[in-house]
Amino acid sequence: MMKGPKKVEVEIEMNGEGPKGPMSGMAQGAEMEEEDMYGEMTPKGKFTPKGLQPLVKATNILLPLFGQTPDYPAMKEAVGEIPVDLFRVLTMFAAAVDDAISNEIIAPEMKLSFDGLRDDSGLMLLAGKLSKLALDREFKKFLKEPAPEAEAPTVDEERTPMPEMGEEEANNMMMSRMS
């Protein structure tokens, strides 16, 4: 007679420390450092819902192409900078666009730049590019393909062979390295 599945909790220890040990602190420190970095890079300006809403809408349309749920919340208040979590998503999009441009999948004019984001018109321009990318069949196909693996470095097989040295020369070389 089985009463149902048992709940089992497992705590993984690292170097004798539990999950709240130094490794956890290091991970949190790295996350905070990354958050600060994005915070410094985030475009600042005068952004109102008039410009933010089209950007959020376009972001939510593009997110599924990156395997993410389209649930970025609507922004109903003016802000002085793009929220860090939204900027992270936008930089992810920008990296994919750069890859697609370098692979000649989309035109260079589609490059996402954050330099001109100072007001709603810059946000709307960016939103327009994102919307266009979401409809681009070649870009969608590019995103579905697995990333090409980096080629293993090849060994130059036409190397000049090392001249053979006698036992005395080898001993002298070893002795010179040891001193």
N, C-alpha and C. Protein backbone atom coordinates (compact mmCIF):
# COMPACT_ATOMS: atom_id res chain seq x y z
N MET A 1 0.84 -1.17 0.00
CA MET A 1 0.00 0.00 0.00
C MET A 1 0.90 1.25 0.00
N MET A 2 0.90 1.96 -1.09
CA MET A 2 1.74 3.13 -1.25
C MET A 2 0.92 4.38 -1.00
N LYS A 3 1.46 5.30 -0.23
CA LYS A 3 0.74 6.52 0.13
C LYS A 3 1.05 7.68 -0.79
N GLY A 4 1.97 7.51 -1.71
CA GLY A 4 2.36 8.59 -2.62
C GLY A 4 3.87 8.77 -2.58
N PRO A 5 4.38 9.57 -3.48
CA PRO A 5 5.83 9.74 -3.55
C PRO A 5 6.36 10.47 -2.32
N LYS A 6 7.53 10.06 -1.91
CA LYS A 6 8.20 10.71 -0.79
C LYS A 6 9.00 11.89 -1.32
N LYS A 7 9.05 12.93 -0.51
CA LYS A 7 9.82 14.10 -0.88
C LYS A 7 11.21 13.94 -0.26
N VAL A 8 12.22 14.02 -1.12
CA VAL A 8 13.59 13.87 -0.66
C VAL A 8 14.33 15.17 -0.94
N GLU A 9 14.97 15.72 0.09
CA GLU A 9 15.76 16.92 -0.09
C GLU A 9 17.23 16.54 -0.04
N VAL A 10 17.99 17.09 -0.97
CA VAL A 10 19.41 16.79 -1.05
C VAL A 10 20.17 18.10 -0.95
N GLU A 11 21.17 18.13 -0.08
CA GLU A 11 22.01 19.31 0.05
C GLU A 11 23.39 18.94 -0.42
N ILE A 12 23.90 19.67 -1.40
CA ILE A 12 25.22 19.38 -1.95
C ILE A 12 26.24 20.24 -1.22
N GLU A 13 27.29 19.58 -0.77
CA GLU A 13 28.35 20.31 -0.09
C GLU A 13 29.55 20.42 -0.99
N MET A 14 30.25 21.56 -0.91
CA MET A 14 31.46 21.78 -1.68
C MET A 14 32.56 22.15 -0.70
N ASN A 15 33.64 21.39 -0.72
CA ASN A 15 34.77 21.65 0.16
C ASN A 15 34.34 21.74 1.62
N GLY A 16 33.40 20.91 1.99
CA GLY A 16 32.96 20.90 3.38
C GLY A 16 32.03 22.05 3.73
N GLU A 17 31.73 22.91 2.80
CA GLU A 17 30.84 24.04 3.04
C GLU A 17 29.50 23.73 2.42
N GLY A 18 28.44 24.13 3.05
CA GLY A 18 27.10 23.95 2.51
C GLY A 18 26.84 24.95 1.41
N PRO A 19 25.61 24.99 0.88
CA PRO A 19 25.30 25.89 -0.22
C PRO A 19 25.45 27.37 0.13
N LYS A 20 25.54 27.71 1.41
CA LYS A 20 25.70 29.11 1.76
C LYS A 20 27.15 29.43 2.09
N GLY A 21 28.06 28.59 1.63
CA GLY A 21 29.48 28.77 1.88
C GLY A 21 30.09 29.77 0.94
N PRO A 22 31.41 29.79 0.88
CA PRO A 22 32.11 30.77 0.05
C PRO A 22 31.77 30.71 -1.43
N MET A 23 31.48 29.52 -1.96
CA MET A 23 31.16 29.42 -3.39
C MET A 23 29.88 30.19 -3.69
N SER A 24 28.91 30.12 -2.79
CA SER A 24 27.67 30.85 -2.98
C SER A 24 27.93 32.35 -2.99
N GLY A 25 28.76 32.81 -2.08
CA GLY A 25 29.11 34.22 -2.02
C GLY A 25 29.83 34.69 -3.26
N MET A 26 30.70 33.82 -3.81
CA MET A 26 31.42 34.17 -5.03
C MET A 26 30.46 34.32 -6.20
N ALA A 27 29.50 33.40 -6.29
CA ALA A 27 28.53 33.47 -7.38
C ALA A 27 27.68 34.73 -7.27
N GLN A 28 27.27 35.05 -6.04
CA GLN A 28 26.47 36.27 -5.85
C GLN A 28 27.29 37.50 -6.19
N GLY A 29 28.56 37.48 -5.83
CA GLY A 29 29.44 38.61 -6.15
C GLY A 29 29.58 38.80 -7.64
N ALA A 30 29.72 37.69 -8.36
CA ALA A 30 29.84 37.76 -9.81
C ALA A 30 28.55 38.29 -10.43
N GLU A 31 27.41 37.86 -9.91
CA GLU A 31 26.13 38.34 -10.43
C GLU A 31 25.98 39.83 -10.18
N MET A 32 26.37 40.28 -8.99
CA MET A 32 26.26 41.71 -8.67
C MET A 32 27.21 42.53 -9.55
N GLU A 33 28.39 41.99 -9.81
CA GLU A 33 29.35 42.68 -10.67
C GLU A 33 28.79 42.81 -12.09
N GLU A 34 28.18 41.74 -12.58
CA GLU A 34 27.58 41.77 -13.92
C GLU A 34 26.42 42.75 -13.95
N GLU A 35 25.61 42.76 -12.89
CA GLU A 35 24.48 43.68 -12.80
C GLU A 35 24.98 45.13 -12.84
N ASP A 36 26.06 45.41 -12.12
CA ASP A 36 26.65 46.76 -12.12
C ASP A 36 27.14 47.13 -13.52
N MET A 37 27.76 46.17 -14.20
CA MET A 37 28.28 46.43 -15.54
C MET A 37 27.14 46.81 -16.49
N TYR A 38 26.06 46.04 -16.45
CA TYR A 38 24.91 46.35 -17.31
C TYR A 38 24.29 47.69 -16.90
N GLY A 39 24.27 47.96 -15.60
CA GLY A 39 23.72 49.22 -15.11
C GLY A 39 24.48 50.42 -15.65
N GLU A 40 25.80 50.29 -15.77
CA GLU A 40 26.62 51.38 -16.29
C GLU A 40 26.41 51.56 -17.80
N MET A 41 26.15 50.47 -18.51
CA MET A 41 26.00 50.51 -19.97
C MET A 41 24.59 50.88 -20.41
N THR A 42 23.63 50.77 -19.52
CA THR A 42 22.24 51.00 -19.86
C THR A 42 22.03 52.42 -20.37
N PRO A 43 21.37 52.56 -21.53
CA PRO A 43 21.10 53.89 -22.07
C PRO A 43 20.25 54.72 -21.11
N LYS A 44 20.63 55.98 -20.99
CA LYS A 44 19.91 56.90 -20.13
C LYS A 44 19.33 58.02 -20.97
N GLY A 45 18.18 58.50 -20.57
CA GLY A 45 17.51 59.56 -21.31
C GLY A 45 16.14 59.82 -20.73
N LYS A 46 15.26 60.33 -21.56
CA LYS A 46 13.89 60.58 -21.14
C LYS A 46 12.99 59.63 -21.92
N PHE A 47 12.59 58.55 -21.25
CA PHE A 47 11.80 57.52 -21.91
C PHE A 47 10.40 57.48 -21.29
N THR A 48 9.40 57.62 -22.14
CA THR A 48 8.01 57.60 -21.67
C THR A 48 7.34 56.32 -22.15
N PRO A 49 6.16 56.03 -21.62
CA PRO A 49 5.44 54.84 -22.09
C PRO A 49 5.19 54.86 -23.60
N LYS A 50 5.11 56.04 -24.20
CA LYS A 50 4.90 56.15 -25.64
C LYS A 50 6.02 55.46 -26.42
N GLY A 51 7.25 55.54 -25.94
CA GLY A 51 8.38 54.88 -26.60
C GLY A 51 8.67 53.51 -26.03
N LEU A 52 8.42 53.34 -24.73
CA LEU A 52 8.73 52.07 -24.07
C LEU A 52 7.78 50.95 -24.50
N GLN A 53 6.50 51.27 -24.65
CA GLN A 53 5.52 50.23 -24.98
C GLN A 53 5.81 49.53 -26.32
N PRO A 54 6.12 50.26 -27.39
CA PRO A 54 6.46 49.57 -28.64
C PRO A 54 7.72 48.70 -28.50
N LEU A 55 8.68 49.17 -27.70
CA LEU A 55 9.90 48.39 -27.48
C LEU A 55 9.60 47.11 -26.72
N VAL A 56 8.78 47.20 -25.70
CA VAL A 56 8.41 46.02 -24.92
C VAL A 56 7.61 45.05 -25.79
N LYS A 57 6.70 45.59 -26.57
CA LYS A 57 5.88 44.74 -27.46
C LYS A 57 6.77 44.00 -28.46
N ALA A 58 7.71 44.71 -29.09
CA ALA A 58 8.61 44.09 -30.06
C ALA A 58 9.52 43.07 -29.37
N THR A 59 9.96 43.39 -28.16
CA THR A 59 10.80 42.45 -27.40
C THR A 59 10.04 41.17 -27.14
N ASN A 60 8.79 41.28 -26.73
CA ASN A 60 7.98 40.09 -26.45
C ASN A 60 7.69 39.27 -27.71
N ILE A 61 7.65 39.92 -28.85
CA ILE A 61 7.45 39.19 -30.11
C ILE A 61 8.72 38.41 -30.46
N LEU A 62 9.88 38.97 -30.17
CA LEU A 62 11.16 38.35 -30.53
C LEU A 62 11.63 37.30 -29.52
N LEU A 63 11.23 37.42 -28.27
CA LEU A 63 11.72 36.50 -27.23
C LEU A 63 11.52 35.01 -27.53
N PRO A 64 10.37 34.59 -28.09
CA PRO A 64 10.21 33.16 -28.37
C PRO A 64 11.25 32.61 -29.36
N LEU A 65 11.76 33.46 -30.24
CA LEU A 65 12.79 33.00 -31.17
C LEU A 65 14.09 32.66 -30.44
N PHE A 66 14.22 33.13 -29.21
CA PHE A 66 15.39 32.87 -28.39
C PHE A 66 15.08 31.85 -27.29
N GLY A 67 13.95 31.17 -27.44
CA GLY A 67 13.58 30.13 -26.48
C GLY A 67 13.11 30.67 -25.15
N GLN A 68 12.64 31.91 -25.12
CA GLN A 68 12.18 32.51 -23.87
C GLN A 68 10.71 32.87 -23.97
N THR A 69 10.07 32.94 -22.82
CA THR A 69 8.66 33.28 -22.81
C THR A 69 8.48 34.79 -23.01
N PRO A 70 7.48 35.15 -23.79
CA PRO A 70 7.24 36.56 -24.08
C PRO A 70 6.46 37.24 -22.97
N ASP A 71 7.08 37.41 -21.82
CA ASP A 71 6.35 37.93 -20.67
C ASP A 71 6.98 39.18 -20.04
N TYR A 72 7.67 39.97 -20.86
CA TYR A 72 8.23 41.18 -20.28
C TYR A 72 7.05 42.11 -19.99
N PRO A 73 6.99 42.64 -18.77
CA PRO A 73 5.82 43.44 -18.38
C PRO A 73 5.74 44.80 -19.06
N ALA A 74 4.52 45.27 -19.22
CA ALA A 74 4.27 46.59 -19.80
C ALA A 74 4.85 47.66 -18.87
N MET A 75 5.29 48.75 -19.47
CA MET A 75 5.86 49.85 -18.69
C MET A 75 4.93 51.04 -18.81
N LYS A 76 4.39 51.47 -17.68
CA LYS A 76 3.37 52.51 -17.70
C LYS A 76 3.85 53.84 -17.14
N GLU A 77 5.12 53.92 -16.77
CA GLU A 77 5.65 55.15 -16.21
C GLU A 77 6.90 55.58 -16.96
N ALA A 78 7.17 56.87 -16.97
CA ALA A 78 8.39 57.39 -17.59
C ALA A 78 9.58 56.98 -16.74
N VAL A 79 10.70 56.71 -17.39
CA VAL A 79 11.91 56.32 -16.68
C VAL A 79 13.10 57.10 -17.25
N GLY A 80 14.14 57.18 -16.44
CA GLY A 80 15.34 57.89 -16.86
C GLY A 80 16.37 56.99 -17.51
N GLU A 81 16.15 55.70 -17.40
CA GLU A 81 17.03 54.74 -18.07
C GLU A 81 16.26 53.47 -18.35
N ILE A 82 16.73 52.75 -19.35
CA ILE A 82 16.10 51.48 -19.69
C ILE A 82 16.38 50.51 -18.56
N PRO A 83 15.38 49.79 -18.07
CA PRO A 83 15.62 48.84 -16.98
C PRO A 83 16.72 47.84 -17.36
N VAL A 84 17.53 47.48 -16.38
CA VAL A 84 18.69 46.61 -16.62
C VAL A 84 18.26 45.27 -17.20
N ASP A 85 17.18 44.68 -16.69
CA ASP A 85 16.75 43.38 -17.21
C ASP A 85 16.31 43.47 -18.67
N LEU A 86 15.68 44.56 -19.06
CA LEU A 86 15.31 44.76 -20.46
C LEU A 86 16.56 44.98 -21.30
N PHE A 87 17.51 45.73 -20.78
CA PHE A 87 18.74 45.99 -21.52
C PHE A 87 19.53 44.70 -21.75
N ARG A 88 19.51 43.79 -20.78
CA ARG A 88 20.16 42.48 -20.96
C ARG A 88 19.57 41.76 -22.16
N VAL A 89 18.24 41.77 -22.24
CA VAL A 89 17.56 41.10 -23.36
C VAL A 89 17.95 41.77 -24.67
N LEU A 90 17.99 43.09 -24.68
CA LEU A 90 18.34 43.82 -25.89
C LEU A 90 19.77 43.52 -26.33
N THR A 91 20.69 43.38 -25.38
CA THR A 91 22.07 43.05 -25.75
C THR A 91 22.16 41.63 -26.29
N MET A 92 21.31 40.73 -25.79
CA MET A 92 21.26 39.38 -26.35
C MET A 92 20.81 39.45 -27.81
N PHE A 93 19.77 40.24 -28.07
CA PHE A 93 19.31 40.42 -29.44
C PHE A 93 20.41 41.00 -30.31
N ALA A 94 21.11 42.01 -29.78
CA ALA A 94 22.17 42.68 -30.55
C ALA A 94 23.28 41.71 -30.92
N ALA A 95 23.64 40.82 -30.00
CA ALA A 95 24.70 39.84 -30.29
C ALA A 95 24.26 38.90 -31.41
N ALA A 96 23.00 38.46 -31.38
CA ALA A 96 22.49 37.58 -32.43
C ALA A 96 22.44 38.31 -33.77
N VAL A 97 22.05 39.56 -33.75
CA VAL A 97 22.00 40.36 -34.98
C VAL A 97 23.41 40.53 -35.54
N ASP A 98 24.38 40.81 -34.67
CA ASP A 98 25.77 40.94 -35.14
C ASP A 98 26.25 39.65 -35.80
N ASP A 99 25.90 38.50 -35.20
CA ASP A 99 26.28 37.22 -35.79
C ASP A 99 25.60 37.03 -37.15
N ALA A 100 24.33 37.38 -37.22
CA ALA A 100 23.60 37.23 -38.48
C ALA A 100 24.17 38.15 -39.56
N ILE A 101 24.57 39.34 -39.17
CA ILE A 101 25.18 40.27 -40.14
C ILE A 101 26.51 39.72 -40.62
N SER A 102 27.34 39.21 -39.69
CA SER A 102 28.65 38.69 -40.09
C SER A 102 28.52 37.44 -40.96
N ASN A 103 27.40 36.73 -40.84
CA ASN A 103 27.15 35.56 -41.69
C ASN A 103 26.33 35.92 -42.92
N GLU A 104 26.15 37.22 -43.15
CA GLU A 104 25.44 37.75 -44.30
C GLU A 104 24.01 37.23 -44.41
N ILE A 105 23.35 37.07 -43.27
CA ILE A 105 21.96 36.63 -43.23
C ILE A 105 21.03 37.84 -43.34
N ILE A 106 21.41 38.92 -42.67
CA ILE A 106 20.62 40.16 -42.72
C ILE A 106 21.53 41.31 -43.10
N ALA A 107 20.92 42.40 -43.51
CA ALA A 107 21.68 43.57 -43.97
C ALA A 107 22.34 44.29 -42.79
N PRO A 108 23.49 44.90 -43.02
CA PRO A 108 24.18 45.64 -41.96
C PRO A 108 23.35 46.78 -41.34
N GLU A 109 22.39 47.30 -42.09
CA GLU A 109 21.53 48.36 -41.57
C GLU A 109 20.67 47.89 -40.41
N MET A 110 20.56 46.59 -40.23
CA MET A 110 19.75 46.04 -39.14
C MET A 110 20.50 45.97 -37.81
N LYS A 111 21.75 46.39 -37.83
CA LYS A 111 22.55 46.37 -36.60
C LYS A 111 21.83 47.17 -35.51
N LEU A 112 21.78 46.59 -34.31
CA LEU A 112 21.15 47.25 -33.18
C LEU A 112 22.19 48.08 -32.44
N SER A 113 21.96 49.37 -32.38
CA SER A 113 22.88 50.27 -31.69
C SER A 113 22.13 50.93 -30.54
N PHE A 114 22.81 51.03 -29.42
CA PHE A 114 22.20 51.66 -28.25
C PHE A 114 22.74 53.07 -28.03
N ASP A 115 23.64 53.49 -28.89
CA ASP A 115 24.27 54.82 -28.74
C ASP A 115 23.25 55.96 -28.85
N GLY A 116 22.30 55.84 -29.74
CA GLY A 116 21.36 56.93 -29.97
C GLY A 116 20.12 56.87 -29.10
N LEU A 117 20.08 55.98 -28.14
CA LEU A 117 18.89 55.87 -27.31
C LEU A 117 18.91 56.92 -26.21
N ARG A 118 18.21 58.03 -26.48
CA ARG A 118 18.14 59.11 -25.50
C ARG A 118 16.69 59.55 -25.26
N ASP A 119 15.83 59.12 -26.19
CA ASP A 119 14.43 59.53 -26.07
C ASP A 119 13.53 58.51 -26.76
N ASP A 120 12.25 58.83 -26.79
CA ASP A 120 11.27 57.90 -27.35
C ASP A 120 11.48 57.60 -28.83
N SER A 121 11.98 58.56 -29.60
CA SER A 121 12.16 58.31 -31.03
C SER A 121 13.23 57.22 -31.24
N GLY A 122 14.28 57.20 -30.43
CA GLY A 122 15.29 56.15 -30.52
C GLY A 122 14.72 54.79 -30.14
N LEU A 123 13.85 54.79 -29.12
CA LEU A 123 13.20 53.55 -28.70
C LEU A 123 12.30 53.01 -29.80
N MET A 124 11.57 53.90 -30.45
CA MET A 124 10.66 53.48 -31.52
C MET A 124 11.42 52.95 -32.73
N LEU A 125 12.55 53.56 -33.04
CA LEU A 125 13.39 53.08 -34.14
C LEU A 125 13.90 51.66 -33.82
N LEU A 126 14.35 51.47 -32.59
CA LEU A 126 14.82 50.15 -32.16
C LEU A 126 13.68 49.14 -32.19
N ALA A 127 12.51 49.54 -31.72
CA ALA A 127 11.34 48.65 -31.73
C ALA A 127 10.98 48.25 -33.17
N GLY A 128 11.10 49.19 -34.10
CA GLY A 128 10.82 48.89 -35.50
C GLY A 128 11.78 47.84 -36.05
N LYS A 129 13.06 47.97 -35.71
CA LYS A 129 14.04 46.98 -36.17
C LYS A 129 13.74 45.61 -35.57
N LEU A 130 13.40 45.59 -34.28
CA LEU A 130 13.09 44.30 -33.63
C LEU A 130 11.87 43.65 -34.28
N SER A 131 10.86 44.45 -34.57
CA SER A 131 9.65 43.92 -35.21
C SER A 131 9.97 43.36 -36.59
N LYS A 132 10.81 44.07 -37.32
CA LYS A 132 11.21 43.62 -38.65
C LYS A 132 12.00 42.31 -38.55
N LEU A 133 12.89 42.21 -37.55
CA LEU A 133 13.66 40.98 -37.36
C LEU A 133 12.75 39.80 -37.03
N ALA A 134 11.71 40.05 -36.25
CA ALA A 134 10.79 38.99 -35.86
C ALA A 134 10.05 38.40 -37.05
N LEU A 135 9.94 39.18 -38.14
CA LEU A 135 9.25 38.72 -39.34
C LEU A 135 10.20 38.18 -40.40
N ASP A 136 11.49 38.36 -40.22
CA ASP A 136 12.49 37.97 -41.21
C ASP A 136 12.70 36.46 -41.19
N ARG A 137 12.32 35.80 -42.27
CA ARG A 137 12.41 34.32 -42.34
C ARG A 137 13.85 33.83 -42.23
N GLU A 138 14.76 34.51 -42.89
CA GLU A 138 16.17 34.09 -42.86
C GLU A 138 16.76 34.24 -41.46
N PHE A 139 16.38 35.30 -40.77
CA PHE A 139 16.87 35.51 -39.41
C PHE A 139 16.31 34.43 -38.48
N LYS A 140 15.04 34.12 -38.63
CA LYS A 140 14.43 33.06 -37.82
C LYS A 140 15.13 31.73 -38.07
N LYS A 141 15.39 31.44 -39.33
CA LYS A 141 16.07 30.19 -39.70
C LYS A 141 17.48 30.17 -39.09
N PHE A 142 18.17 31.30 -39.15
CA PHE A 142 19.51 31.43 -38.59
C PHE A 142 19.50 31.14 -37.09
N LEU A 143 18.50 31.65 -36.38
CA LEU A 143 18.42 31.44 -34.94
C LEU A 143 18.14 29.99 -34.57
N LYS A 144 17.44 29.27 -35.43
CA LYS A 144 17.11 27.87 -35.16
C LYS A 144 18.29 26.94 -35.39
N GLU A 145 19.22 27.35 -36.24
CA GLU A 145 20.37 26.50 -36.54
C GLU A 145 21.32 26.48 -35.36
N PRO A 146 21.93 25.33 -35.09
CA PRO A 146 22.91 25.30 -34.01
C PRO A 146 24.13 26.12 -34.38
N ALA A 147 24.75 26.70 -33.37
CA ALA A 147 25.94 27.52 -33.61
C ALA A 147 27.05 26.62 -34.15
N PRO A 148 27.78 27.11 -35.15
CA PRO A 148 28.86 26.28 -35.70
C PRO A 148 29.94 26.07 -34.64
N GLU A 149 30.45 24.84 -34.62
CA GLU A 149 31.49 24.53 -33.66
C GLU A 149 32.80 25.14 -34.13
N ALA A 150 33.57 25.58 -33.17
CA ALA A 150 34.87 26.16 -33.51
C ALA A 150 35.76 25.04 -34.01
N GLU A 151 36.47 25.33 -35.10
CA GLU A 151 37.35 24.32 -35.66
C GLU A 151 38.55 24.10 -34.75
N ALA A 152 38.93 22.85 -34.62
CA ALA A 152 40.10 22.53 -33.80
C ALA A 152 41.34 23.04 -34.52
N PRO A 153 42.27 23.59 -33.76
CA PRO A 153 43.49 24.08 -34.42
C PRO A 153 44.24 22.93 -35.07
N THR A 154 44.73 23.21 -36.25
CA THR A 154 45.47 22.17 -36.97
C THR A 154 46.94 22.27 -36.64
N VAL A 155 47.57 21.13 -36.63
CA VAL A 155 49.00 21.08 -36.35
C VAL A 155 49.74 21.18 -37.66
N ASP A 156 50.70 22.07 -37.70
CA ASP A 156 51.49 22.24 -38.91
C ASP A 156 52.40 21.03 -39.06
N GLU A 157 52.10 20.20 -40.03
CA GLU A 157 52.85 18.96 -40.19
C GLU A 157 54.14 19.14 -40.96
N GLU A 158 54.37 20.30 -41.48
CA GLU A 158 55.59 20.53 -42.25
C GLU A 158 56.63 21.26 -41.41
N ARG A 159 56.67 20.94 -40.12
CA ARG A 159 57.66 21.56 -39.25
C ARG A 159 59.05 21.04 -39.56
N THR A 160 60.00 21.87 -39.32
CA THR A 160 61.39 21.45 -39.49
C THR A 160 61.74 20.57 -38.30
N PRO A 161 62.25 19.36 -38.56
CA PRO A 161 62.56 18.48 -37.44
C PRO A 161 63.71 19.04 -36.61
N MET A 162 63.64 18.77 -35.31
CA MET A 162 64.71 19.20 -34.41
C MET A 162 65.97 18.39 -34.73
N PRO A 163 67.10 19.06 -34.78
CA PRO A 163 68.32 18.29 -35.03
C PRO A 163 68.61 17.40 -33.82
N GLU A 164 69.08 16.21 -34.12
CA GLU A 164 69.38 15.29 -33.02
C GLU A 164 70.65 15.75 -32.34
N MET A 165 70.65 15.61 -31.02
CA MET A 165 71.84 15.97 -30.28
C MET A 165 72.37 14.76 -29.53
N GLY A 166 73.62 14.79 -29.32
CA GLY A 166 74.26 13.68 -28.62
C GLY A 166 73.92 13.72 -27.14
N GLU A 167 74.31 12.64 -26.43
CA GLU A 167 74.00 12.51 -25.02
C GLU A 167 74.68 13.62 -24.21
N GLU A 168 75.90 13.95 -24.56
CA GLU A 168 76.63 14.98 -23.82
C GLU A 168 75.97 16.35 -24.01
N GLU A 169 75.52 16.65 -25.25
CA GLU A 169 74.86 17.93 -25.51
C GLU A 169 73.54 18.02 -24.74
N ALA A 170 72.80 16.91 -24.70
CA ALA A 170 71.53 16.88 -23.99
C ALA A 170 71.76 17.09 -22.50
N ASN A 171 72.78 16.44 -21.94
CA ASN A 171 73.10 16.62 -20.51
C ASN A 171 73.50 18.06 -20.22
N ASN A 172 74.31 18.67 -21.09
CA ASN A 172 74.73 20.05 -20.90
C ASN A 172 73.53 21.00 -20.94
N MET A 173 72.60 20.75 -21.85
CA MET A 173 71.42 21.59 -21.95
C MET A 173 70.57 21.46 -20.68
N MET A 174 70.36 20.26 -20.19
CA MET A 174 69.59 20.03 -18.98
C MET A 174 70.26 20.69 -17.79
N MET A 175 71.54 20.61 -17.69
CA MET A 175 72.27 21.20 -16.56
C MET A 175 72.16 22.73 -16.61
N SER A 176 72.20 23.30 -17.83
CA SER A 176 72.11 24.75 -17.95
C SER A 176 70.71 25.25 -17.55
N ARG A 177 69.69 24.45 -17.79
CA ARG A 177 68.32 24.83 -17.43
C ARG A 177 68.10 24.72 -15.93
N MET A 178 68.82 23.81 -15.29
CA MET A 178 68.64 23.60 -13.86
C MET A 178 69.34 24.68 -13.03
N SER A 179 70.29 25.36 -13.60
CA SER A 179 71.01 26.37 -12.79
C SER A 179 70.48 27.75 -12.99
